[in-house]
Amino acid sequence: MFGWFQRLLPHSGDFYVLFERHAVALMAAADALAMLTAGEGDRAAHLRTIRDQEHAADEVIRETLHEVRQTFLTPFDRGAITSLIGSMDDTIDEMNRTAAAIELFEVTSFDPPMKQIGVLIQDACKLIVEAMPQLRDVERNGRPLHHLTAKLVKLEGEVDVLHDNGMKAAFQAQQKNSDPLGFMVSREIYKHLERVADAFEDVANEIDSLVIDHG
């Protein structure tokens, strides 16, 4: 009888911990991607780290969806919770796709803009890691959260510029050296790197929505 009564009581899952755990996986993957594109350290280890962290993030997603189904009281609207964690997961998924393309095409050297994008992705993940604990008190932290999301959007714009400049340089190199295959590989890597940054903007938008609704 007591167990039955307990199941009827309202529950509030700790979604904040899940957000923060996912952000930690994001950060670890971004660190590995930055070192990979910089040509530093063990290439195979970086690829493995990105893949492992993507799997860790998937586990957080599964836990979050389970908590959403099981929890009576949630700190935010259920749709807002799944949208935020989903946008974060899109980011690490794109990092994993970038790593997979690098492995598939056996890319071992990277253009300067690719290296710079790797650093900006790292910077963006630091902002997400900083933002997640502040969601525990959105009403009080609305202003600093908005500043963080503005920085995220700015970084996405900087990646767009680097992407365009890198693609232009890769095309000019292809014209000069008659290397269409090299251009196609570069285009594929740039495409995935840009998609990582695009996903960051989605994370920023989801956080801003929470600030608007609860700040």
N, C-alpha and C. Protein backbone atom coordinates (compact mmCIF):
# COMPACT_ATOMS: atom_id res chain seq x y z
N MET A 1 0.83 -1.21 0.00
CA MET A 1 0.00 0.00 0.00
C MET A 1 0.87 1.26 0.00
N PHE A 2 1.94 1.27 0.82
CA PHE A 2 2.81 2.45 0.88
C PHE A 2 3.49 2.69 -0.46
N GLY A 3 3.95 1.60 -1.11
CA GLY A 3 4.59 1.74 -2.42
C GLY A 3 3.64 2.31 -3.44
N TRP A 4 2.39 1.86 -3.39
CA TRP A 4 1.38 2.39 -4.31
C TRP A 4 1.15 3.88 -4.07
N PHE A 5 1.11 4.26 -2.78
CA PHE A 5 0.92 5.67 -2.43
C PHE A 5 2.09 6.52 -2.92
N GLN A 6 3.32 5.98 -2.78
CA GLN A 6 4.51 6.71 -3.24
C GLN A 6 4.44 6.99 -4.73
N ARG A 7 3.95 6.01 -5.47
CA ARG A 7 3.89 6.18 -6.93
C ARG A 7 2.90 7.26 -7.33
N LEU A 8 1.96 7.56 -6.45
CA LEU A 8 0.98 8.61 -6.75
C LEU A 8 1.49 10.01 -6.43
N LEU A 9 2.56 10.07 -5.65
CA LEU A 9 3.09 11.38 -5.26
C LEU A 9 3.76 12.07 -6.45
N PRO A 10 3.69 13.41 -6.53
CA PRO A 10 4.39 14.13 -7.59
C PRO A 10 5.89 13.89 -7.53
N HIS A 11 6.49 13.79 -8.69
CA HIS A 11 7.94 13.64 -8.77
C HIS A 11 8.52 14.77 -9.60
N SER A 12 9.75 15.12 -9.31
CA SER A 12 10.45 16.15 -10.08
C SER A 12 11.84 15.64 -10.40
N GLY A 13 12.02 15.13 -11.62
CA GLY A 13 13.31 14.59 -12.02
C GLY A 13 14.37 15.67 -12.07
N ASP A 14 15.62 15.29 -11.84
CA ASP A 14 16.69 16.28 -11.83
C ASP A 14 17.21 16.48 -13.25
N PHE A 15 16.46 17.23 -14.03
CA PHE A 15 16.83 17.49 -15.41
C PHE A 15 18.07 18.37 -15.50
N TYR A 16 18.30 19.18 -14.48
CA TYR A 16 19.49 20.05 -14.49
C TYR A 16 20.76 19.20 -14.55
N VAL A 17 20.80 18.14 -13.78
CA VAL A 17 21.97 17.25 -13.81
C VAL A 17 22.14 16.65 -15.19
N LEU A 18 21.05 16.27 -15.82
CA LEU A 18 21.12 15.68 -17.16
C LEU A 18 21.63 16.70 -18.18
N PHE A 19 21.14 17.94 -18.10
CA PHE A 19 21.66 18.99 -18.98
C PHE A 19 23.17 19.15 -18.80
N GLU A 20 23.58 19.18 -17.54
CA GLU A 20 25.00 19.42 -17.24
C GLU A 20 25.86 18.24 -17.67
N ARG A 21 25.36 17.02 -17.51
CA ARG A 21 26.10 15.84 -17.97
C ARG A 21 26.27 15.85 -19.48
N HIS A 22 25.22 16.24 -20.17
CA HIS A 22 25.31 16.31 -21.63
C HIS A 22 26.33 17.37 -22.05
N ALA A 23 26.32 18.49 -21.36
CA ALA A 23 27.28 19.56 -21.69
C ALA A 23 28.71 19.11 -21.47
N VAL A 24 28.95 18.28 -20.46
CA VAL A 24 30.29 17.75 -20.22
C VAL A 24 30.73 16.88 -21.39
N ALA A 25 29.82 16.05 -21.90
CA ALA A 25 30.14 15.23 -23.08
C ALA A 25 30.43 16.11 -24.29
N LEU A 26 29.64 17.16 -24.47
CA LEU A 26 29.88 18.12 -25.55
C LEU A 26 31.28 18.70 -25.47
N MET A 27 31.65 19.11 -24.26
CA MET A 27 32.94 19.76 -24.07
C MET A 27 34.09 18.81 -24.37
N ALA A 28 33.98 17.58 -23.92
CA ALA A 28 35.03 16.60 -24.16
C ALA A 28 35.18 16.31 -25.65
N ALA A 29 34.05 16.21 -26.35
CA ALA A 29 34.10 15.98 -27.80
C ALA A 29 34.70 17.19 -28.52
N ALA A 30 34.34 18.39 -28.08
CA ALA A 30 34.86 19.60 -28.71
C ALA A 30 36.36 19.74 -28.49
N ASP A 31 36.83 19.40 -27.31
CA ASP A 31 38.27 19.43 -27.04
C ASP A 31 39.01 18.49 -27.99
N ALA A 32 38.46 17.28 -28.16
CA ALA A 32 39.10 16.30 -29.04
C ALA A 32 39.06 16.77 -30.49
N LEU A 33 37.94 17.37 -30.91
CA LEU A 33 37.82 17.86 -32.28
C LEU A 33 38.80 19.00 -32.54
N ALA A 34 38.95 19.89 -31.57
CA ALA A 34 39.89 21.01 -31.73
C ALA A 34 41.32 20.50 -31.88
N MET A 35 41.70 19.51 -31.06
CA MET A 35 43.05 18.95 -31.17
C MET A 35 43.23 18.16 -32.46
N LEU A 36 42.15 17.50 -32.89
CA LEU A 36 42.20 16.75 -34.15
C LEU A 36 42.45 17.67 -35.33
N THR A 37 41.69 18.77 -35.42
CA THR A 37 41.86 19.70 -36.54
C THR A 37 43.16 20.50 -36.43
N ALA A 38 43.69 20.61 -35.22
CA ALA A 38 44.97 21.31 -35.03
C ALA A 38 46.14 20.39 -35.35
N GLY A 39 45.87 19.10 -35.53
CA GLY A 39 46.95 18.15 -35.80
C GLY A 39 47.79 17.84 -34.58
N GLU A 40 47.19 17.98 -33.40
CA GLU A 40 47.93 17.75 -32.15
C GLU A 40 47.54 16.41 -31.53
N GLY A 41 48.52 15.73 -30.96
CA GLY A 41 48.24 14.50 -30.22
C GLY A 41 47.95 13.31 -31.11
N ASP A 42 47.28 12.33 -30.52
CA ASP A 42 47.00 11.04 -31.15
C ASP A 42 45.69 11.13 -31.94
N ARG A 43 45.80 11.11 -33.26
CA ARG A 43 44.63 11.25 -34.13
C ARG A 43 43.57 10.20 -33.83
N ALA A 44 44.00 8.94 -33.72
CA ALA A 44 43.06 7.84 -33.47
C ALA A 44 42.37 8.01 -32.12
N ALA A 45 43.11 8.49 -31.13
CA ALA A 45 42.53 8.69 -29.80
C ALA A 45 41.47 9.78 -29.83
N HIS A 46 41.74 10.85 -30.58
CA HIS A 46 40.76 11.94 -30.69
C HIS A 46 39.48 11.45 -31.37
N LEU A 47 39.62 10.69 -32.44
CA LEU A 47 38.45 10.14 -33.13
C LEU A 47 37.65 9.25 -32.20
N ARG A 48 38.35 8.44 -31.42
CA ARG A 48 37.68 7.54 -30.48
C ARG A 48 36.97 8.31 -29.38
N THR A 49 37.61 9.38 -28.90
CA THR A 49 36.99 10.20 -27.85
C THR A 49 35.69 10.82 -28.33
N ILE A 50 35.70 11.36 -29.53
CA ILE A 50 34.50 11.99 -30.07
C ILE A 50 33.38 10.96 -30.18
N ARG A 51 33.71 9.79 -30.68
CA ARG A 51 32.72 8.73 -30.83
C ARG A 51 32.18 8.29 -29.46
N ASP A 52 33.07 8.12 -28.49
CA ASP A 52 32.65 7.68 -27.15
C ASP A 52 31.78 8.73 -26.47
N GLN A 53 32.13 9.99 -26.63
CA GLN A 53 31.35 11.05 -26.00
C GLN A 53 29.98 11.19 -26.65
N GLU A 54 29.91 10.92 -27.95
CA GLU A 54 28.60 10.94 -28.62
C GLU A 54 27.72 9.83 -28.05
N HIS A 55 28.30 8.67 -27.78
CA HIS A 55 27.54 7.58 -27.17
C HIS A 55 27.10 7.94 -25.75
N ALA A 56 27.98 8.60 -25.00
CA ALA A 56 27.63 9.04 -23.65
C ALA A 56 26.47 10.04 -23.69
N ALA A 57 26.51 10.94 -24.67
CA ALA A 57 25.42 11.92 -24.81
C ALA A 57 24.11 11.23 -25.17
N ASP A 58 24.18 10.19 -26.01
CA ASP A 58 22.98 9.43 -26.35
C ASP A 58 22.35 8.81 -25.11
N GLU A 59 23.20 8.33 -24.21
CA GLU A 59 22.69 7.75 -22.97
C GLU A 59 21.96 8.80 -22.14
N VAL A 60 22.50 10.02 -22.11
CA VAL A 60 21.83 11.11 -21.39
C VAL A 60 20.47 11.41 -22.02
N ILE A 61 20.42 11.40 -23.35
CA ILE A 61 19.15 11.62 -24.05
C ILE A 61 18.12 10.57 -23.63
N ARG A 62 18.54 9.31 -23.62
CA ARG A 62 17.61 8.24 -23.22
C ARG A 62 17.11 8.45 -21.80
N GLU A 63 18.00 8.82 -20.90
CA GLU A 63 17.60 9.06 -19.51
C GLU A 63 16.63 10.23 -19.42
N THR A 64 16.91 11.27 -20.21
CA THR A 64 16.05 12.46 -20.18
C THR A 64 14.65 12.13 -20.66
N LEU A 65 14.55 11.40 -21.77
CA LEU A 65 13.23 11.04 -22.30
C LEU A 65 12.47 10.15 -21.31
N HIS A 66 13.20 9.27 -20.64
CA HIS A 66 12.56 8.42 -19.62
C HIS A 66 12.04 9.27 -18.47
N GLU A 67 12.84 10.24 -18.02
CA GLU A 67 12.42 11.11 -16.92
C GLU A 67 11.22 11.97 -17.32
N VAL A 68 11.23 12.43 -18.56
CA VAL A 68 10.09 13.25 -19.02
C VAL A 68 8.80 12.44 -18.97
N ARG A 69 8.89 11.16 -19.35
CA ARG A 69 7.69 10.31 -19.32
C ARG A 69 7.25 9.98 -17.91
N GLN A 70 8.21 9.83 -16.99
CA GLN A 70 7.91 9.35 -15.65
C GLN A 70 7.64 10.46 -14.63
N THR A 71 8.08 11.68 -14.94
CA THR A 71 8.02 12.76 -13.95
C THR A 71 6.69 13.50 -14.01
N PHE A 72 6.11 13.67 -12.85
CA PHE A 72 4.83 14.39 -12.77
C PHE A 72 5.03 15.89 -12.87
N LEU A 73 6.00 16.39 -12.09
CA LEU A 73 6.31 17.82 -12.11
C LEU A 73 7.67 18.03 -12.76
N THR A 74 7.75 18.86 -13.77
CA THR A 74 9.02 19.17 -14.42
C THR A 74 9.32 20.65 -14.26
N PRO A 75 10.61 21.03 -14.21
CA PRO A 75 10.95 22.44 -13.99
C PRO A 75 10.55 23.34 -15.14
N PHE A 76 10.51 22.77 -16.35
CA PHE A 76 10.09 23.50 -17.55
C PHE A 76 9.05 22.65 -18.27
N ASP A 77 8.42 23.24 -19.24
CA ASP A 77 7.51 22.49 -20.10
C ASP A 77 8.24 21.29 -20.71
N ARG A 78 7.56 20.15 -20.80
CA ARG A 78 8.19 18.95 -21.32
C ARG A 78 8.77 19.17 -22.71
N GLY A 79 8.04 19.89 -23.55
CA GLY A 79 8.54 20.17 -24.90
C GLY A 79 9.80 20.99 -24.88
N ALA A 80 9.92 21.93 -23.93
CA ALA A 80 11.12 22.76 -23.82
C ALA A 80 12.32 21.92 -23.40
N ILE A 81 12.08 20.96 -22.49
CA ILE A 81 13.16 20.09 -22.02
C ILE A 81 13.70 19.25 -23.17
N THR A 82 12.78 18.60 -23.90
CA THR A 82 13.23 17.73 -24.99
C THR A 82 13.83 18.53 -26.14
N SER A 83 13.34 19.75 -26.37
CA SER A 83 13.90 20.58 -27.44
C SER A 83 15.32 21.03 -27.12
N LEU A 84 15.55 21.41 -25.85
CA LEU A 84 16.89 21.87 -25.47
C LEU A 84 17.89 20.72 -25.54
N ILE A 85 17.57 19.59 -24.91
CA ILE A 85 18.51 18.47 -24.91
C ILE A 85 18.68 17.92 -26.32
N GLY A 86 17.61 18.02 -27.14
CA GLY A 86 17.70 17.57 -28.52
C GLY A 86 18.63 18.44 -29.35
N SER A 87 18.56 19.75 -29.15
CA SER A 87 19.45 20.66 -29.89
C SER A 87 20.90 20.47 -29.46
N MET A 88 21.12 20.21 -28.18
CA MET A 88 22.47 19.91 -27.71
C MET A 88 22.99 18.62 -28.33
N ASP A 89 22.09 17.64 -28.45
CA ASP A 89 22.50 16.36 -29.02
C ASP A 89 22.79 16.49 -30.51
N ASP A 90 22.06 17.36 -31.20
CA ASP A 90 22.36 17.61 -32.62
C ASP A 90 23.79 18.11 -32.77
N THR A 91 24.24 18.91 -31.83
CA THR A 91 25.59 19.47 -31.88
C THR A 91 26.64 18.37 -31.81
N ILE A 92 26.52 17.48 -30.83
CA ILE A 92 27.53 16.43 -30.70
C ILE A 92 27.39 15.39 -31.81
N ASP A 93 26.17 15.20 -32.32
CA ASP A 93 25.99 14.32 -33.47
C ASP A 93 26.77 14.84 -34.67
N GLU A 94 26.72 16.16 -34.88
CA GLU A 94 27.45 16.75 -36.01
C GLU A 94 28.96 16.68 -35.78
N MET A 95 29.41 16.80 -34.54
CA MET A 95 30.84 16.60 -34.27
C MET A 95 31.24 15.18 -34.65
N ASN A 96 30.39 14.22 -34.30
CA ASN A 96 30.69 12.82 -34.62
C ASN A 96 30.71 12.59 -36.13
N ARG A 97 29.79 13.24 -36.85
CA ARG A 97 29.78 13.12 -38.31
C ARG A 97 31.02 13.75 -38.92
N THR A 98 31.47 14.85 -38.33
CA THR A 98 32.71 15.48 -38.79
C THR A 98 33.88 14.52 -38.62
N ALA A 99 33.96 13.92 -37.43
CA ALA A 99 35.04 12.97 -37.15
C ALA A 99 34.96 11.77 -38.09
N ALA A 100 33.74 11.30 -38.36
CA ALA A 100 33.57 10.15 -39.25
C ALA A 100 34.05 10.48 -40.66
N ALA A 101 33.77 11.70 -41.13
CA ALA A 101 34.23 12.11 -42.45
C ALA A 101 35.75 12.23 -42.49
N ILE A 102 36.32 12.77 -41.43
CA ILE A 102 37.78 12.88 -41.35
C ILE A 102 38.42 11.50 -41.39
N GLU A 103 37.81 10.56 -40.69
CA GLU A 103 38.34 9.19 -40.68
C GLU A 103 38.15 8.51 -42.04
N LEU A 104 36.97 8.69 -42.63
CA LEU A 104 36.66 8.06 -43.91
C LEU A 104 37.60 8.52 -45.01
N PHE A 105 37.84 9.82 -45.07
CA PHE A 105 38.67 10.37 -46.13
C PHE A 105 40.15 10.44 -45.76
N GLU A 106 40.47 9.91 -44.57
CA GLU A 106 41.85 9.84 -44.10
C GLU A 106 42.54 11.21 -44.13
N VAL A 107 41.80 12.20 -43.64
CA VAL A 107 42.33 13.56 -43.59
C VAL A 107 43.29 13.68 -42.40
N THR A 108 44.49 14.11 -42.68
CA THR A 108 45.50 14.25 -41.62
C THR A 108 46.04 15.68 -41.49
N SER A 109 45.76 16.51 -42.48
CA SER A 109 46.17 17.92 -42.41
C SER A 109 44.96 18.79 -42.71
N PHE A 110 44.91 19.93 -42.04
CA PHE A 110 43.72 20.77 -42.11
C PHE A 110 44.08 22.21 -42.47
N ASP A 111 43.19 22.82 -43.26
CA ASP A 111 43.38 24.22 -43.64
C ASP A 111 43.30 25.11 -42.40
N PRO A 112 43.96 26.27 -42.44
CA PRO A 112 43.88 27.20 -41.30
C PRO A 112 42.45 27.53 -40.87
N PRO A 113 41.50 27.77 -41.81
CA PRO A 113 40.13 28.05 -41.35
C PRO A 113 39.50 26.88 -40.61
N MET A 114 39.82 25.65 -41.01
CA MET A 114 39.30 24.48 -40.30
C MET A 114 39.80 24.46 -38.86
N LYS A 115 41.08 24.78 -38.70
CA LYS A 115 41.66 24.82 -37.35
C LYS A 115 40.99 25.90 -36.51
N GLN A 116 40.74 27.06 -37.14
CA GLN A 116 40.09 28.15 -36.41
C GLN A 116 38.67 27.77 -36.02
N ILE A 117 37.96 27.09 -36.92
CA ILE A 117 36.60 26.65 -36.60
C ILE A 117 36.62 25.67 -35.43
N GLY A 118 37.62 24.78 -35.42
CA GLY A 118 37.75 23.86 -34.30
C GLY A 118 37.86 24.58 -32.97
N VAL A 119 38.61 25.68 -32.95
CA VAL A 119 38.76 26.47 -31.72
C VAL A 119 37.44 27.16 -31.35
N LEU A 120 36.73 27.67 -32.36
CA LEU A 120 35.45 28.34 -32.09
C LEU A 120 34.40 27.37 -31.57
N ILE A 121 34.43 26.14 -32.08
CA ILE A 121 33.52 25.10 -31.57
C ILE A 121 33.83 24.84 -30.10
N GLN A 122 35.10 24.79 -29.78
CA GLN A 122 35.53 24.62 -28.39
C GLN A 122 35.02 25.78 -27.53
N ASP A 123 35.15 27.00 -28.03
CA ASP A 123 34.68 28.17 -27.30
C ASP A 123 33.17 28.12 -27.08
N ALA A 124 32.45 27.69 -28.10
CA ALA A 124 30.99 27.61 -27.99
C ALA A 124 30.57 26.60 -26.93
N CYS A 125 31.27 25.47 -26.87
CA CYS A 125 30.94 24.46 -25.86
C CYS A 125 31.22 24.97 -24.45
N LYS A 126 32.24 25.77 -24.30
CA LYS A 126 32.52 26.36 -22.99
C LYS A 126 31.35 27.24 -22.55
N LEU A 127 30.75 27.95 -23.49
CA LEU A 127 29.60 28.79 -23.17
C LEU A 127 28.40 27.95 -22.75
N ILE A 128 28.20 26.81 -23.42
CA ILE A 128 27.09 25.93 -23.06
C ILE A 128 27.32 25.33 -21.68
N VAL A 129 28.55 24.91 -21.41
CA VAL A 129 28.87 24.39 -20.08
C VAL A 129 28.60 25.45 -19.01
N GLU A 130 28.93 26.69 -19.32
CA GLU A 130 28.69 27.79 -18.39
C GLU A 130 27.21 28.07 -18.20
N ALA A 131 26.44 27.88 -19.27
CA ALA A 131 25.01 28.20 -19.21
C ALA A 131 24.19 27.19 -18.44
N MET A 132 24.53 25.92 -18.55
CA MET A 132 23.67 24.87 -18.00
C MET A 132 23.37 25.03 -16.50
N PRO A 133 24.37 25.26 -15.63
CA PRO A 133 24.04 25.41 -14.19
C PRO A 133 23.13 26.61 -13.92
N GLN A 134 23.19 27.62 -14.77
CA GLN A 134 22.39 28.81 -14.57
C GLN A 134 20.91 28.57 -14.84
N LEU A 135 20.60 27.46 -15.53
CA LEU A 135 19.19 27.12 -15.75
C LEU A 135 18.49 26.73 -14.46
N ARG A 136 19.25 26.43 -13.43
CA ARG A 136 18.66 26.06 -12.13
C ARG A 136 17.87 27.23 -11.53
N ASP A 137 18.19 28.45 -11.95
CA ASP A 137 17.45 29.63 -11.49
C ASP A 137 17.34 30.60 -12.66
N VAL A 138 16.47 30.26 -13.60
CA VAL A 138 16.33 31.06 -14.82
C VAL A 138 15.88 32.47 -14.51
N GLU A 139 15.00 32.61 -13.54
CA GLU A 139 14.47 33.93 -13.22
C GLU A 139 15.59 34.88 -12.80
N ARG A 140 16.49 34.41 -11.98
CA ARG A 140 17.60 35.24 -11.53
C ARG A 140 18.68 35.39 -12.60
N ASN A 141 18.88 34.36 -13.40
CA ASN A 141 20.00 34.34 -14.34
C ASN A 141 19.61 34.66 -15.78
N GLY A 142 18.43 35.23 -15.96
CA GLY A 142 17.97 35.52 -17.31
C GLY A 142 18.92 36.41 -18.09
N ARG A 143 19.40 37.48 -17.47
CA ARG A 143 20.29 38.41 -18.18
C ARG A 143 21.62 37.77 -18.57
N PRO A 144 22.34 37.13 -17.62
CA PRO A 144 23.60 36.49 -18.02
C PRO A 144 23.40 35.37 -19.04
N LEU A 145 22.28 34.64 -18.95
CA LEU A 145 22.01 33.60 -19.95
C LEU A 145 21.83 34.22 -21.33
N HIS A 146 21.16 35.35 -21.37
CA HIS A 146 20.96 36.03 -22.66
C HIS A 146 22.30 36.49 -23.23
N HIS A 147 23.20 36.96 -22.38
CA HIS A 147 24.53 37.36 -22.85
C HIS A 147 25.29 36.15 -23.41
N LEU A 148 25.16 35.01 -22.76
CA LEU A 148 25.84 33.81 -23.23
C LEU A 148 25.29 33.36 -24.59
N THR A 149 23.97 33.42 -24.74
CA THR A 149 23.40 33.00 -26.02
C THR A 149 23.77 33.97 -27.14
N ALA A 150 23.89 35.23 -26.81
CA ALA A 150 24.33 36.21 -27.82
C ALA A 150 25.75 35.88 -28.29
N LYS A 151 26.61 35.46 -27.37
CA LYS A 151 27.97 35.06 -27.74
C LYS A 151 27.96 33.81 -28.61
N LEU A 152 27.06 32.88 -28.30
CA LEU A 152 26.94 31.67 -29.11
C LEU A 152 26.55 32.02 -30.55
N VAL A 153 25.59 32.89 -30.70
CA VAL A 153 25.14 33.29 -32.04
C VAL A 153 26.27 34.01 -32.78
N LYS A 154 27.02 34.83 -32.06
CA LYS A 154 28.15 35.54 -32.67
C LYS A 154 29.20 34.56 -33.17
N LEU A 155 29.49 33.53 -32.38
CA LEU A 155 30.47 32.52 -32.79
C LEU A 155 30.00 31.79 -34.05
N GLU A 156 28.69 31.52 -34.11
CA GLU A 156 28.15 30.85 -35.30
C GLU A 156 28.38 31.71 -36.55
N GLY A 157 28.21 33.03 -36.40
CA GLY A 157 28.46 33.92 -37.52
C GLY A 157 29.93 33.94 -37.93
N GLU A 158 30.83 33.86 -36.95
CA GLU A 158 32.26 33.82 -37.26
C GLU A 158 32.62 32.53 -38.00
N VAL A 159 31.97 31.44 -37.63
CA VAL A 159 32.21 30.17 -38.33
C VAL A 159 31.75 30.27 -39.78
N ASP A 160 30.61 30.93 -40.01
CA ASP A 160 30.12 31.10 -41.38
C ASP A 160 31.15 31.81 -42.25
N VAL A 161 31.77 32.85 -41.69
CA VAL A 161 32.78 33.60 -42.45
C VAL A 161 33.98 32.72 -42.75
N LEU A 162 34.45 31.99 -41.75
CA LEU A 162 35.59 31.09 -41.94
C LEU A 162 35.25 30.00 -42.96
N HIS A 163 34.04 29.48 -42.90
CA HIS A 163 33.59 28.47 -43.86
C HIS A 163 33.67 29.00 -45.28
N ASP A 164 33.12 30.20 -45.49
CA ASP A 164 33.11 30.78 -46.84
C ASP A 164 34.53 31.06 -47.33
N ASN A 165 35.37 31.61 -46.45
CA ASN A 165 36.76 31.90 -46.85
C ASN A 165 37.52 30.61 -47.14
N GLY A 166 37.30 29.60 -46.32
CA GLY A 166 37.98 28.32 -46.53
C GLY A 166 37.55 27.65 -47.82
N MET A 167 36.25 27.69 -48.11
CA MET A 167 35.76 27.10 -49.35
C MET A 167 36.31 27.82 -50.57
N LYS A 168 36.40 29.13 -50.48
CA LYS A 168 36.94 29.89 -51.60
C LYS A 168 38.41 29.54 -51.83
N ALA A 169 39.19 29.46 -50.75
CA ALA A 169 40.61 29.10 -50.87
C ALA A 169 40.77 27.68 -51.40
N ALA A 170 39.90 26.75 -50.94
CA ALA A 170 39.98 25.37 -51.42
C ALA A 170 39.65 25.28 -52.91
N PHE A 171 38.68 26.07 -53.35
CA PHE A 171 38.33 26.08 -54.77
C PHE A 171 39.46 26.64 -55.61
N GLN A 172 40.06 27.73 -55.13
CA GLN A 172 41.18 28.32 -55.88
C GLN A 172 42.37 27.36 -55.95
N ALA A 173 42.61 26.62 -54.88
CA ALA A 173 43.69 25.64 -54.87
C ALA A 173 43.40 24.51 -55.85
N GLN A 174 42.14 24.11 -55.93
CA GLN A 174 41.74 23.06 -56.87
C GLN A 174 41.95 23.52 -58.30
N GLN A 175 41.61 24.79 -58.58
CA GLN A 175 41.80 25.33 -59.92
C GLN A 175 43.28 25.36 -60.29
N LYS A 176 44.10 25.70 -59.33
CA LYS A 176 45.53 25.84 -59.59
C LYS A 176 46.21 24.48 -59.72
N ASN A 177 45.81 23.54 -58.89
CA ASN A 177 46.50 22.24 -58.84
C ASN A 177 45.74 21.11 -59.54
N SER A 178 44.57 21.44 -60.11
CA SER A 178 43.73 20.42 -60.76
C SER A 178 43.50 19.22 -59.84
N ASP A 179 42.93 19.53 -58.66
CA ASP A 179 42.72 18.49 -57.64
C ASP A 179 41.25 18.50 -57.21
N PRO A 180 40.35 18.05 -58.10
CA PRO A 180 38.91 18.06 -57.74
C PRO A 180 38.59 17.18 -56.54
N LEU A 181 39.29 16.05 -56.38
CA LEU A 181 39.02 15.18 -55.25
C LEU A 181 39.37 15.87 -53.93
N GLY A 182 40.49 16.58 -53.90
CA GLY A 182 40.88 17.32 -52.70
C GLY A 182 39.85 18.37 -52.35
N PHE A 183 39.30 19.03 -53.37
CA PHE A 183 38.28 20.04 -53.13
C PHE A 183 37.01 19.40 -52.56
N MET A 184 36.62 18.25 -53.10
CA MET A 184 35.42 17.57 -52.61
C MET A 184 35.57 17.15 -51.15
N VAL A 185 36.76 16.69 -50.77
CA VAL A 185 37.01 16.30 -49.38
C VAL A 185 36.93 17.53 -48.47
N SER A 186 37.59 18.61 -48.92
CA SER A 186 37.55 19.84 -48.12
C SER A 186 36.12 20.34 -47.95
N ARG A 187 35.36 20.29 -49.03
CA ARG A 187 33.96 20.74 -48.96
C ARG A 187 33.17 19.92 -47.96
N GLU A 188 33.41 18.61 -47.92
CA GLU A 188 32.70 17.74 -46.99
C GLU A 188 33.05 18.09 -45.54
N ILE A 189 34.32 18.31 -45.27
CA ILE A 189 34.73 18.64 -43.90
C ILE A 189 34.16 20.00 -43.48
N TYR A 190 34.25 20.99 -44.38
CA TYR A 190 33.70 22.31 -44.07
C TYR A 190 32.19 22.23 -43.82
N LYS A 191 31.50 21.41 -44.62
CA LYS A 191 30.05 21.28 -44.47
C LYS A 191 29.70 20.80 -43.06
N HIS A 192 30.39 19.77 -42.59
CA HIS A 192 30.09 19.24 -41.26
C HIS A 192 30.48 20.22 -40.15
N LEU A 193 31.60 20.89 -40.31
CA LEU A 193 32.01 21.87 -39.30
C LEU A 193 30.99 23.00 -39.19
N GLU A 194 30.48 23.44 -40.34
CA GLU A 194 29.48 24.51 -40.32
C GLU A 194 28.19 24.03 -39.65
N ARG A 195 27.83 22.77 -39.87
CA ARG A 195 26.62 22.24 -39.26
C ARG A 195 26.73 22.15 -37.74
N VAL A 196 27.94 21.90 -37.25
CA VAL A 196 28.15 21.94 -35.79
C VAL A 196 27.80 23.33 -35.27
N ALA A 197 28.31 24.35 -35.95
CA ALA A 197 28.05 25.73 -35.51
C ALA A 197 26.58 26.09 -35.64
N ASP A 198 25.92 25.63 -36.70
CA ASP A 198 24.49 25.89 -36.86
C ASP A 198 23.70 25.31 -35.69
N ALA A 199 24.13 24.12 -35.24
CA ALA A 199 23.44 23.49 -34.10
C ALA A 199 23.62 24.32 -32.82
N PHE A 200 24.77 25.00 -32.68
CA PHE A 200 24.98 25.87 -31.53
C PHE A 200 23.95 26.99 -31.50
N GLU A 201 23.64 27.53 -32.65
CA GLU A 201 22.64 28.60 -32.70
C GLU A 201 21.28 28.07 -32.24
N ASP A 202 20.97 26.83 -32.60
CA ASP A 202 19.71 26.23 -32.14
C ASP A 202 19.69 26.09 -30.62
N VAL A 203 20.83 25.69 -30.03
CA VAL A 203 20.93 25.62 -28.57
C VAL A 203 20.67 27.00 -27.96
N ALA A 204 21.28 28.01 -28.55
CA ALA A 204 21.09 29.38 -28.05
C ALA A 204 19.61 29.78 -28.09
N ASN A 205 18.94 29.43 -29.18
CA ASN A 205 17.52 29.78 -29.32
C ASN A 205 16.67 29.06 -28.28
N GLU A 206 16.99 27.81 -28.00
CA GLU A 206 16.22 27.06 -27.00
C GLU A 206 16.42 27.66 -25.61
N ILE A 207 17.65 28.05 -25.29
CA ILE A 207 17.91 28.67 -23.98
C ILE A 207 17.17 30.00 -23.88
N ASP A 208 17.21 30.78 -24.95
CA ASP A 208 16.49 32.07 -24.94
C ASP A 208 14.99 31.86 -24.74
N SER A 209 14.45 30.80 -25.34
CA SER A 209 13.02 30.53 -25.16
C SER A 209 12.70 30.26 -23.70
N LEU A 210 13.59 29.52 -23.02
CA LEU A 210 13.38 29.27 -21.59
C LEU A 210 13.44 30.56 -20.79
N VAL A 211 14.37 31.42 -21.15
CA VAL A 211 14.51 32.70 -20.45
C VAL A 211 13.24 33.54 -20.63
N ILE A 212 12.72 33.55 -21.84
CA ILE A 212 11.51 34.33 -22.12
C ILE A 212 10.32 33.79 -21.35
N ASP A 213 10.20 32.46 -21.31
CA ASP A 213 9.04 31.84 -20.67
C ASP A 213 9.11 31.84 -19.14
N HIS A 214 10.35 31.79 -18.61
CA HIS A 214 10.49 31.61 -17.15
C HIS A 214 11.33 32.69 -16.47
N GLY A 215 11.95 33.58 -17.27
CA GLY A 215 12.88 34.55 -16.69
C GLY A 215 12.18 35.73 -16.06
